[in-house]
C-alpha atoms as a PDB file:
ATOM      1  CA  UNK A   1     -24.586  -6.411  17.441  1.00  0.00           C
ATOM      2  CA  UNK A   2     -23.879  -3.703  14.816  1.00  0.00           C
ATOM      3  CA  UNK A   3     -21.920  -4.431  11.666  1.00  0.00           C
ATOM      4  CA  UNK A   4     -19.851  -2.218   9.416  1.00  0.00           C
ATOM      5  CA  UNK A   5     -19.440  -2.102   5.616  1.00  0.00           C
ATOM      6  CA  UNK A   6     -16.105  -1.093   4.059  1.00  0.00           C
ATOM      7  CA  UNK A   7     -15.132  -0.887   0.390  1.00  0.00           C
ATOM      8  CA  UNK A   8     -11.846  -2.331  -0.862  1.00  0.00           C
ATOM      9  CA  UNK A   9     -10.912  -0.722  -4.190  1.00  0.00           C
ATOM     10  CA  UNK A  10      -8.067  -2.292  -6.177  1.00  0.00           C
ATOM     11  CA  UNK A  11      -5.542   0.287  -7.408  1.00  0.00           C
ATOM     12  CA  UNK A  12      -5.878  -0.294 -11.140  1.00  0.00           C
ATOM     13  CA  UNK A  13      -7.178   1.492 -14.235  1.00  0.00           C
ATOM     14  CA  UNK A  14     -10.313  -0.664 -14.252  1.00  0.00           C
ATOM     15  CA  UNK A  15     -13.077  -0.300 -11.663  1.00  0.00           C
ATOM     16  CA  UNK A  16     -12.669  -3.319  -9.387  1.00  0.00           C
ATOM     17  CA  UNK A  17     -13.940  -3.287  -5.813  1.00  0.00           C
ATOM     18  CA  UNK A  18     -15.531  -5.409  -3.119  1.00  0.00           C
ATOM     19  CA  UNK A  19     -17.804  -4.260  -0.303  1.00  0.00           C
ATOM     20  CA  UNK A  20     -17.167  -6.225   2.865  1.00  0.00           C
ATOM     21  CA  UNK A  21     -19.515  -6.421   5.835  1.00  0.00           C
ATOM     22  CA  UNK A  22     -17.602  -6.809   9.076  1.00  0.00           C
ATOM     23  CA  UNK A  23     -18.789  -7.984  12.483  1.00  0.00           C
ATOM     24  CA  UNK A  24     -18.631  -5.432  15.265  1.00  0.00           C
ATOM     25  CA  UNK A  25     -15.580  -7.085  16.841  1.00  0.00           C
ATOM     26  CA  UNK A  26     -13.546  -7.429  13.601  1.00  0.00           C
ATOM     27  CA  UNK A  27      -9.890  -6.384  13.690  1.00  0.00           C
ATOM     28  CA  UNK A  28      -7.726  -5.083  10.857  1.00  0.00           C
ATOM     29  CA  UNK A  29      -6.292  -8.601  10.627  1.00  0.00           C
ATOM     30  CA  UNK A  30      -9.817  -9.827   9.842  1.00  0.00           C
ATOM     31  CA  UNK A  31     -10.107  -7.135   7.149  1.00  0.00           C
ATOM     32  CA  UNK A  32      -6.733  -8.258   5.742  1.00  0.00           C
ATOM     33  CA  UNK A  33      -7.924 -11.880   5.403  1.00  0.00           C
ATOM     34  CA  UNK A  34     -11.288 -10.743   3.989  1.00  0.00           C
ATOM     35  CA  UNK A  35      -9.673  -8.616   1.247  1.00  0.00           C
ATOM     36  CA  UNK A  36      -7.256 -11.385   0.241  1.00  0.00           C
ATOM     37  CA  UNK A  37     -10.133 -13.881   0.041  1.00  0.00           C
ATOM     38  CA  UNK A  38     -12.555 -11.505  -1.705  1.00  0.00           C
ATOM     39  CA  UNK A  39     -10.087 -10.826  -4.525  1.00  0.00           C
ATOM     40  CA  UNK A  40      -8.937 -14.449  -4.853  1.00  0.00           C
ATOM     41  CA  UNK A  41      -5.321 -13.638  -4.013  1.00  0.00           C
ATOM     42  CA  UNK A  42      -2.962 -16.395  -2.861  1.00  0.00           C
ATOM     43  CA  UNK A  43      -2.678 -16.034   0.937  1.00  0.00           C
ATOM     44  CA  UNK A  44       0.519 -16.192   2.969  1.00  0.00           C
ATOM     45  CA  UNK A  45       2.351 -12.942   2.178  1.00  0.00           C
ATOM     46  CA  UNK A  46       3.181  -9.994   4.417  1.00  0.00           C
ATOM     47  CA  UNK A  47       0.915  -6.957   4.343  1.00  0.00           C
ATOM     48  CA  UNK A  48       0.350  -3.586   5.975  1.00  0.00           C
ATOM     49  CA  UNK A  49      -2.367  -1.031   6.369  1.00  0.00           C
ATOM     50  CA  UNK A  50      -1.393   2.635   6.339  1.00  0.00           C
ATOM     51  CA  UNK A  51      -3.285   5.520   7.836  1.00  0.00           C
ATOM     52  CA  UNK A  52      -4.035   8.241   5.284  1.00  0.00           C
ATOM     53  CA  UNK A  53      -5.343  11.740   4.868  1.00  0.00           C
ATOM     54  CA  UNK A  54      -7.977  13.036   2.428  1.00  0.00           C
ATOM     55  CA  UNK A  55      -5.515  12.803  -0.491  1.00  0.00           C
ATOM     56  CA  UNK A  56      -4.718   9.128   0.277  1.00  0.00           C
ATOM     57  CA  UNK A  57      -1.138   9.986   1.281  1.00  0.00           C
ATOM     58  CA  UNK A  58       0.548   7.075   3.067  1.00  0.00           C
ATOM     59  CA  UNK A  59       1.164   7.918   6.727  1.00  0.00           C
ATOM     60  CA  UNK A  60       1.668   5.500   9.645  1.00  0.00           C
ATOM     61  CA  UNK A  61       2.107   1.769   9.049  1.00  0.00           C
ATOM     62  CA  UNK A  62       0.033  -0.918  10.752  1.00  0.00           C
ATOM     63  CA  UNK A  63       1.865  -4.184   9.954  1.00  0.00           C
ATOM     64  CA  UNK A  64       0.366  -7.664   9.851  1.00  0.00           C
ATOM     65  CA  UNK A  65       2.982  -8.814  12.339  1.00  0.00           C
ATOM     66  CA  UNK A  66       4.693  -6.568  14.864  1.00  0.00           C
ATOM     67  CA  UNK A  67       8.346  -6.140  13.998  1.00  0.00           C
ATOM     68  CA  UNK A  68       9.622  -5.630  17.530  1.00  0.00           C
ATOM     69  CA  UNK A  69      10.127  -2.538  19.588  1.00  0.00           C
ATOM     70  CA  UNK A  70       7.536  -0.522  21.422  1.00  0.00           C
ATOM     71  CA  UNK A  71       4.597   0.491  19.276  1.00  0.00           C
ATOM     72  CA  UNK A  72       2.953   3.805  20.012  1.00  0.00           C
ATOM     73  CA  UNK A  73      -0.748   3.997  20.693  1.00  0.00           C
ATOM     74  CA  UNK A  74      -2.900   5.373  17.881  1.00  0.00           C
ATOM     75  CA  UNK A  75      -2.810   9.130  17.892  1.00  0.00           C
ATOM     76  CA  UNK A  76       0.920   9.399  18.518  1.00  0.00           C
ATOM     77  CA  UNK A  77       2.493  12.656  17.418  1.00  0.00           C
ATOM     78  CA  UNK A  78       5.521  10.828  16.018  1.00  0.00           C
ATOM     79  CA  UNK A  79       4.618  10.345  12.354  1.00  0.00           C
ATOM     80  CA  UNK A  80       7.233   7.698  11.608  1.00  0.00           C
ATOM     81  CA  UNK A  81       6.568   5.582  14.706  1.00  0.00           C
ATOM     82  CA  UNK A  82       5.001   2.197  13.889  1.00  0.00           C
ATOM     83  CA  UNK A  83       1.586   1.366  15.222  1.00  0.00           C
ATOM     84  CA  UNK A  84       0.717  -1.971  16.833  1.00  0.00           C
ATOM     85  CA  UNK A  85       0.073  -4.959  14.582  1.00  0.00           C
ATOM     86  CA  UNK A  86      -3.252  -5.437  12.778  1.00  0.00           C
ATOM     87  CA  UNK A  87      -4.739  -7.811  15.351  1.00  0.00           C
ATOM     88  CA  UNK A  88      -4.513  -5.058  17.996  1.00  0.00           C
ATOM     89  CA  UNK A  89      -6.692  -2.612  16.044  1.00  0.00           C
ATOM     90  CA  UNK A  90     -10.492  -2.926  15.963  1.00  0.00           C
ATOM     91  CA  UNK A  91     -11.644  -2.179  12.403  1.00  0.00           C
ATOM     92  CA  UNK A  92     -14.378   0.115  13.727  1.00  0.00           C
ATOM     93  CA  UNK A  93     -11.793   2.394  15.375  1.00  0.00           C
ATOM     94  CA  UNK A  94     -10.149   3.223  12.025  1.00  0.00           C
ATOM     95  CA  UNK A  95     -12.969   2.562   9.534  1.00  0.00           C
ATOM     96  CA  UNK A  96     -16.138   3.042  11.568  1.00  0.00           C
ATOM     97  CA  UNK A  97     -17.091   6.577  10.544  1.00  0.00           C
ATOM     98  CA  UNK A  98     -17.728   8.511   7.343  1.00  0.00           C
ATOM     99  CA  UNK A  99     -14.495   9.751   5.801  1.00  0.00           C
ATOM    100  CA  UNK A 100     -12.244   7.195   7.491  1.00  0.00           C
ATOM    101  CA  UNK A 101      -9.905   5.391   5.103  1.00  0.00           C
ATOM    102  CA  UNK A 102      -6.771   3.281   4.969  1.00  0.00           C
ATOM    103  CA  UNK A 103      -4.321   2.124   2.322  1.00  0.00           C
ATOM    104  CA  UNK A 104      -3.666  -1.615   2.230  1.00  0.00           C
ATOM    105  CA  UNK A 105      -0.616  -3.175   0.581  1.00  0.00           C
ATOM    106  CA  UNK A 106      -0.393  -6.951   0.241  1.00  0.00           C
ATOM    107  CA  UNK A 107       2.734  -8.832  -0.863  1.00  0.00           C
ATOM    108  CA  UNK A 108       5.547  -6.295  -0.905  1.00  0.00           C
ATOM    109  CA  UNK A 109       7.068  -7.838  -4.050  1.00  0.00           C
ATOM    110  CA  UNK A 110       3.884  -7.810  -6.143  1.00  0.00           C
ATOM    111  CA  UNK A 111       2.405  -4.719  -4.468  1.00  0.00           C
ATOM    112  CA  UNK A 112      -1.292  -5.473  -4.505  1.00  0.00           C
ATOM    113  CA  UNK A 113      -2.550  -2.031  -3.418  1.00  0.00           C
ATOM    114  CA  UNK A 114      -6.056  -1.227  -2.199  1.00  0.00           C
ATOM    115  CA  UNK A 115      -7.927   1.841  -1.012  1.00  0.00           C
ATOM    116  CA  UNK A 116     -10.105   0.850   1.964  1.00  0.00           C
ATOM    117  CA  UNK A 117     -12.868   3.223   3.026  1.00  0.00           C
ATOM    118  CA  UNK A 118     -15.925   3.389   5.243  1.00  0.00           C
ATOM    119  CA  UNK A 119     -19.207   2.837   3.354  1.00  0.00           C
ATOM    120  CA  UNK A 120     -21.747   2.719   6.182  1.00  0.00           C
ATOM    121  CA  UNK A 121     -23.425   0.522   8.755  1.00  0.00           C
ATOM    122  CA  UNK A 122     -24.222  -3.059   7.827  1.00  0.00           C
ATOM    123  CA  UNK A 123     -27.628  -4.718   7.745  1.00  0.00           C
ATOM    124  CA  UNK A 124     -26.888  -8.043   9.424  1.00  0.00           C
ATOM    125  CA  UNK A 125     -26.925  -8.381  13.171  1.00  0.00           C
ATOM    126  CA  UNK A 126     -25.617 -11.923  13.731  1.00  0.00           C
ATOM    127  CA  UNK A 127     -22.525 -11.787  11.505  1.00  0.00           C
ATOM    128  CA  UNK A 128     -19.552 -13.674  12.984  1.00  0.00           C
ATOM    129  CA  UNK A 129     -17.040 -13.363  10.108  1.00  0.00           C
ATOM    130  CA  UNK A 130     -16.484 -10.808   7.325  1.00  0.00           C
ATOM    131  CA  UNK A 131     -18.386 -11.442   4.119  1.00  0.00           C
ATOM    132  CA  UNK A 132     -18.560  -9.941   0.643  1.00  0.00           C
ATOM    133  CA  UNK A 133     -21.870  -8.090   0.186  1.00  0.00           C
ATOM    134  CA  UNK A 134     -21.071  -6.501  -3.198  1.00  0.00           C
ATOM    135  CA  UNK A 135     -18.592  -7.372  -5.913  1.00  0.00           C
ATOM    136  CA  UNK A 136     -17.824  -5.226  -8.953  1.00  0.00           C
ATOM    137  CA  UNK A 137     -15.287  -6.015 -11.670  1.00  0.00           C
ATOM    138  CA  UNK A 138     -13.136  -9.045 -12.310  1.00  0.00           C
ATOM    139  CA  UNK A 139     -10.013  -9.278 -10.174  1.00  0.00           C
ATOM    140  CA  UNK A 140      -6.817  -9.939 -12.146  1.00  0.00           C
ATOM    141  CA  UNK A 141      -4.803 -13.110 -11.509  1.00  0.00           C
ATOM    142  CA  UNK A 142      -1.647 -11.050 -10.867  1.00  0.00           C
ATOM    143  CA  UNK A 143      -1.102  -7.701  -9.185  1.00  0.00           C
ATOM    144  CA  UNK A 144      -1.590  -4.765 -11.558  1.00  0.00           C
ATOM    145  CA  UNK A 145       1.708  -3.255 -12.695  1.00  0.00           C
ATOM    146  CA  UNK A 146       2.867  -0.032 -11.118  1.00  0.00           C
ATOM    147  CA  UNK A 147       4.154   2.976 -13.057  1.00  0.00           C
ATOM    148  CA  UNK A 148       6.602   4.657 -10.725  1.00  0.00           C
ATOM    149  CA  UNK A 149       7.495   7.273 -13.345  1.00  0.00           C
ATOM    150  CA  UNK A 150      10.769   9.140 -13.496  1.00  0.00           C
ATOM    151  CA  UNK A 151      12.248  12.246 -11.976  1.00  0.00           C
ATOM    152  CA  UNK A 152      10.695  15.482 -13.213  1.00  0.00           C
ATOM    153  CA  UNK A 153      12.060  16.554 -16.578  1.00  0.00           C
ATOM    154  CA  UNK A 154      14.089  13.383 -17.064  1.00  0.00           C
ATOM    155  CA  UNK A 155      13.241  10.380 -19.129  1.00  0.00           C
ATOM    156  CA  UNK A 156      14.021   6.851 -18.109  1.00  0.00           C
ATOM    157  CA  UNK A 157      17.069   5.289 -19.760  1.00  0.00           C
ATOM    158  CA  UNK A 158      16.834   1.655 -20.755  1.00  0.00           C
ATOM    159  CA  UNK A 159      20.107   0.056 -19.611  1.00  0.00           C
ATOM    160  CA  UNK A 160      19.612  -2.807 -22.079  1.00  0.00           C
ATOM    161  CA  UNK A 161      19.043  -0.632 -25.171  1.00  0.00           C
ATOM    162  CA  UNK A 162      22.287  -0.924 -27.126  1.00  0.00           C
ATOM    163  CA  UNK A 163      21.104   1.603 -29.724  1.00  0.00           C
ATOM    164  CA  UNK A 164      20.687   4.350 -27.137  1.00  0.00           C
ATOM    165  CA  UNK A 165      23.640   6.732 -27.237  1.00  0.00           C
ATOM    166  CA  UNK A 166      25.694   6.772 -24.112  1.00  0.00           C
ATOM    167  CA  UNK A 167      28.933   8.726 -23.754  1.00  0.00           C
ATOM    168  CA  UNK A 168      29.727   7.524 -20.241  1.00  0.00           C
ATOM    169  CA  UNK A 169      32.134   4.642 -19.731  1.00  0.00           C
ATOM    170  CA  UNK A 170      31.311   1.643 -17.554  1.00  0.00           C
ATOM    171  CA  UNK A 171      32.010   3.685 -14.393  1.00  0.00           C
ATOM    172  CA  UNK A 172      29.770   6.639 -15.347  1.00  0.00           C
ATOM    173  CA  UNK A 173      32.566   8.964 -16.510  1.00  0.00           C
ATOM    174  CA  UNK A 174      32.347  10.930 -19.731  1.00  0.00           C
ATOM    175  CA  UNK A 175      35.726  11.514 -21.450  1.00  0.00           C
ATOM    176  CA  UNK A 176      34.301  14.452 -23.440  1.00  0.00           C
ATOM    177  CA  UNK A 177      33.624  16.358 -20.206  1.00  0.00           C
ATOM    178  CA  UNK A 178      36.964  15.580 -18.528  1.00  0.00           C
ATOM    179  CA  UNK A 179      39.648  18.265 -18.614  1.00  0.00           C
ATOM    180  CA  UNK A 180      42.895  16.760 -17.396  1.00  0.00           C
ATOM    181  CA  UNK A 181      44.454  20.225 -16.944  1.00  0.00           C
ATOM    182  CA  UNK A 182      41.773  21.394 -14.501  1.00  0.00           C
ATOM    183  CA  UNK A 183      42.980  19.191 -11.621  1.00  0.00           C
ATOM    184  CA  UNK A 184      46.327  18.902  -9.912  1.00  0.00           C
ATOM    185  CA  UNK A 185      47.556  16.346  -7.433  1.00  0.00           C
ATOM    186  CA  UNK A 186      47.862  19.047  -4.746  1.00  0.00           C
ATOM    187  CA  UNK A 187      44.079  19.556  -4.842  1.00  0.00           C
ATOM    188  CA  UNK A 188      43.477  15.940  -3.911  1.00  0.00           C
END
């Protein structure tokens, strides 16, 4: 029985990752449970894997639990169509070869985000459950914060900063920019 080693890298500024050896028959649901356990995260939240390209762009979702409807088989040409739930996907089919990778998001409120990639074949032959074979870095107790940034060329406005100048009224209108003579009731 061949095994497979994948690396789960936590999306954070620090280098924190775990290498997991998976049995030949492991599913993505097994990988999900292994990552949660390896990083000491409280279990019980929803999660999804996402197929990716070489730039780690998020593509098709593979949810923990199917959300109804017909799921397309892997390889569908419809990019927004959901794939079957994690338990239906053998890990080796999506992570079994060099260059294969997935994004993994756990707990959609906290957004624990991981980069999962193929490392190579494992060394154990009688493995029945995933196990951590390498651990690097100390996992945080809470999900690392995300910086979603702002639109290009615009800075974020703090709605609670009373010192920040704001000419708009409570409805978003600016009296300095309103010209009452430019509109007539016939135009409405």
